[in-house]
Amino acid sequence: MNVVVSNTDLDDFAGQLADAVEFLRASAEEVRRLVEFPGVSGVVLDFGIAWHDVAAQSDRFPAELIRLAGACGIALELSHYPVSDTE
């Protein structure tokens, strides 16, 4: 099952984070019910973000998102997608 939490672009990680926090605040009870549903083996909040061709790239989750996700029993994941820096 996939649920879209944010419709922001790959280059708007801050927007994705804000949307995810808002989603978890509004839907925590339903998310916990999903996590605890029989047969569900794991729930992941996956962020698709831009990966730039650089020596090192750091992307940080805010403490509030980590707290909300942990309270719901869900994992956080970053999926990096290559983008052109010339766009």
C-alpha atoms as a PDB file:
ATOM      1  CA  MET A   1       0.000   0.000   0.000  1.00  0.00           C
ATOM      2  CA  ASN A   2       1.323   3.470  -0.860  1.00  0.00           C
ATOM      3  CA  VAL A   3       0.082   6.719   0.609  1.00  0.00           C
ATOM      4  CA  VAL A   4       1.258  10.021  -0.834  1.00  0.00           C
ATOM      5  CA  VAL A   5       2.202  12.334   2.027  1.00  0.00           C
ATOM      6  CA  SER A   6       3.720  15.144  -0.058  1.00  0.00           C
ATOM      7  CA  ASN A   7       3.538  16.283  -3.661  1.00  0.00           C
ATOM      8  CA  THR A   8       6.616  18.503  -3.510  1.00  0.00           C
ATOM      9  CA  ASP A   9       9.526  18.133  -5.931  1.00  0.00           C
ATOM     10  CA  LEU A  10      12.693  16.145  -5.327  1.00  0.00           C
ATOM     11  CA  ASP A  11      14.537  19.423  -4.700  1.00  0.00           C
ATOM     12  CA  ASP A  12      12.152  20.471  -1.913  1.00  0.00           C
ATOM     13  CA  PHE A  13      13.225  18.216   0.941  1.00  0.00           C
ATOM     14  CA  ALA A  14      12.226  20.887   3.491  1.00  0.00           C
ATOM     15  CA  GLY A  15       8.713  20.919   2.013  1.00  0.00           C
ATOM     16  CA  GLN A  16       8.515  17.137   2.154  1.00  0.00           C
ATOM     17  CA  LEU A  17       9.580  17.196   5.800  1.00  0.00           C
ATOM     18  CA  ALA A  18       6.958  19.824   6.687  1.00  0.00           C
ATOM     19  CA  ASP A  19       4.247  17.853   4.863  1.00  0.00           C
ATOM     20  CA  ALA A  20       5.272  14.630   6.640  1.00  0.00           C
ATOM     21  CA  VAL A  21       5.139  16.280  10.070  1.00  0.00           C
ATOM     22  CA  GLU A  22       1.701  17.696   9.273  1.00  0.00           C
ATOM     23  CA  PHE A  23       0.518  14.293   8.011  1.00  0.00           C
ATOM     24  CA  LEU A  24       1.730  12.459  11.117  1.00  0.00           C
ATOM     25  CA  ARG A  25       0.207  15.032  13.444  1.00  0.00           C
ATOM     26  CA  ALA A  26      -3.156  14.688  11.703  1.00  0.00           C
ATOM     27  CA  SER A  27      -3.087  10.930  11.078  1.00  0.00           C
ATOM     28  CA  ALA A  28      -1.050   9.388  13.898  1.00  0.00           C
ATOM     29  CA  GLU A  29      -3.906   7.289  15.236  1.00  0.00           C
ATOM     30  CA  GLU A  30      -4.694   5.813  11.802  1.00  0.00           C
ATOM     31  CA  VAL A  31      -1.008   5.183  11.076  1.00  0.00           C
ATOM     32  CA  ARG A  32      -0.617   3.313  14.377  1.00  0.00           C
ATOM     33  CA  ARG A  33      -3.672   1.203  13.503  1.00  0.00           C
ATOM     34  CA  LEU A  34      -2.066   0.337  10.164  1.00  0.00           C
ATOM     35  CA  VAL A  35       1.261  -0.541  11.801  1.00  0.00           C
ATOM     36  CA  GLU A  36      -0.510  -2.842  14.282  1.00  0.00           C
ATOM     37  CA  PHE A  37      -2.790  -4.465  11.682  1.00  0.00           C
ATOM     38  CA  PRO A  38      -2.268  -8.244  11.490  1.00  0.00           C
ATOM     39  CA  GLY A  39       0.042  -9.185   8.634  1.00  0.00           C
ATOM     40  CA  VAL A  40       1.695  -5.784   8.275  1.00  0.00           C
ATOM     41  CA  SER A  41       5.425  -6.457   8.449  1.00  0.00           C
ATOM     42  CA  GLY A  42       6.666  -2.878   8.299  1.00  0.00           C
ATOM     43  CA  VAL A  43       5.713   0.687   7.502  1.00  0.00           C
ATOM     44  CA  VAL A  44       8.211   3.123   6.000  1.00  0.00           C
ATOM     45  CA  LEU A  45       8.001   6.834   5.314  1.00  0.00           C
ATOM     46  CA  ASP A  46      10.197   7.183   2.214  1.00  0.00           C
ATOM     47  CA  PHE A  47      11.494  10.576   1.083  1.00  0.00           C
ATOM     48  CA  GLY A  48      12.461  10.794  -2.585  1.00  0.00           C
ATOM     49  CA  ILE A  49      15.058  13.542  -2.771  1.00  0.00           C
ATOM     50  CA  ALA A  50      17.531  14.927  -5.273  1.00  0.00           C
ATOM     51  CA  TRP A  51      21.029  13.491  -5.242  1.00  0.00           C
ATOM     52  CA  HIS A  52      23.578  15.848  -6.673  1.00  0.00           C
ATOM     53  CA  ASP A  53      26.948  14.773  -8.017  1.00  0.00           C
ATOM     54  CA  VAL A  54      28.944  16.096  -5.072  1.00  0.00           C
ATOM     55  CA  ALA A  55      31.673  14.689  -2.832  1.00  0.00           C
ATOM     56  CA  ALA A  56      29.316  14.460   0.147  1.00  0.00           C
ATOM     57  CA  GLN A  57      25.618  15.068   0.647  1.00  0.00           C
ATOM     58  CA  SER A  58      23.999  15.350   4.062  1.00  0.00           C
ATOM     59  CA  ASP A  59      20.260  15.369   4.596  1.00  0.00           C
ATOM     60  CA  ARG A  60      18.809  15.622   8.090  1.00  0.00           C
ATOM     61  CA  PHE A  61      15.525  14.581   9.659  1.00  0.00           C
ATOM     62  CA  PRO A  62      14.213  17.028  12.279  1.00  0.00           C
ATOM     63  CA  ALA A  63      13.765  15.692  15.805  1.00  0.00           C
ATOM     64  CA  GLU A  64      10.005  16.295  15.685  1.00  0.00           C
ATOM     65  CA  LEU A  65       9.604  14.053  12.631  1.00  0.00           C
ATOM     66  CA  ILE A  66      11.718  11.341  14.240  1.00  0.00           C
ATOM     67  CA  ARG A  67       9.627  11.570  17.424  1.00  0.00           C
ATOM     68  CA  LEU A  68       6.304  11.415  15.547  1.00  0.00           C
ATOM     69  CA  ALA A  69       7.429   8.554  13.309  1.00  0.00           C
ATOM     70  CA  GLY A  70       8.828   6.599  16.251  1.00  0.00           C
ATOM     71  CA  ALA A  71       5.620   7.057  18.231  1.00  0.00           C
ATOM     72  CA  CYS A  72       3.739   5.553  15.285  1.00  0.00           C
ATOM     73  CA  GLY A  73       6.204   2.690  14.885  1.00  0.00           C
ATOM     74  CA  ILE A  74       7.319   3.634  11.378  1.00  0.00           C
ATOM     75  CA  ALA A  75      10.782   3.807   9.840  1.00  0.00           C
ATOM     76  CA  LEU A  76      12.259   6.708   7.887  1.00  0.00           C
ATOM     77  CA  GLU A  77      14.046   6.241   4.572  1.00  0.00           C
ATOM     78  CA  LEU A  78      15.821   8.471   2.044  1.00  0.00           C
ATOM     79  CA  SER A  79      15.735   7.506  -1.629  1.00  0.00           C
ATOM     80  CA  HIS A  80      18.228   9.609  -3.574  1.00  0.00           C
ATOM     81  CA  TYR A  81      17.558  10.238  -7.256  1.00  0.00           C
ATOM     82  CA  PRO A  82      20.209  11.737  -9.538  1.00  0.00           C
ATOM     83  CA  VAL A  83      19.368  15.116 -11.019  1.00  0.00           C
ATOM     84  CA  SER A  84      21.274  17.441 -13.248  1.00  0.00           C
ATOM     85  CA  ASP A  85      22.718  20.498 -11.512  1.00  0.00           C
ATOM     86  CA  THR A  86      22.410  22.407 -14.791  1.00  0.00           C
ATOM     87  CA  GLU A  87      18.604  22.417 -14.843  1.00  0.00           C
END
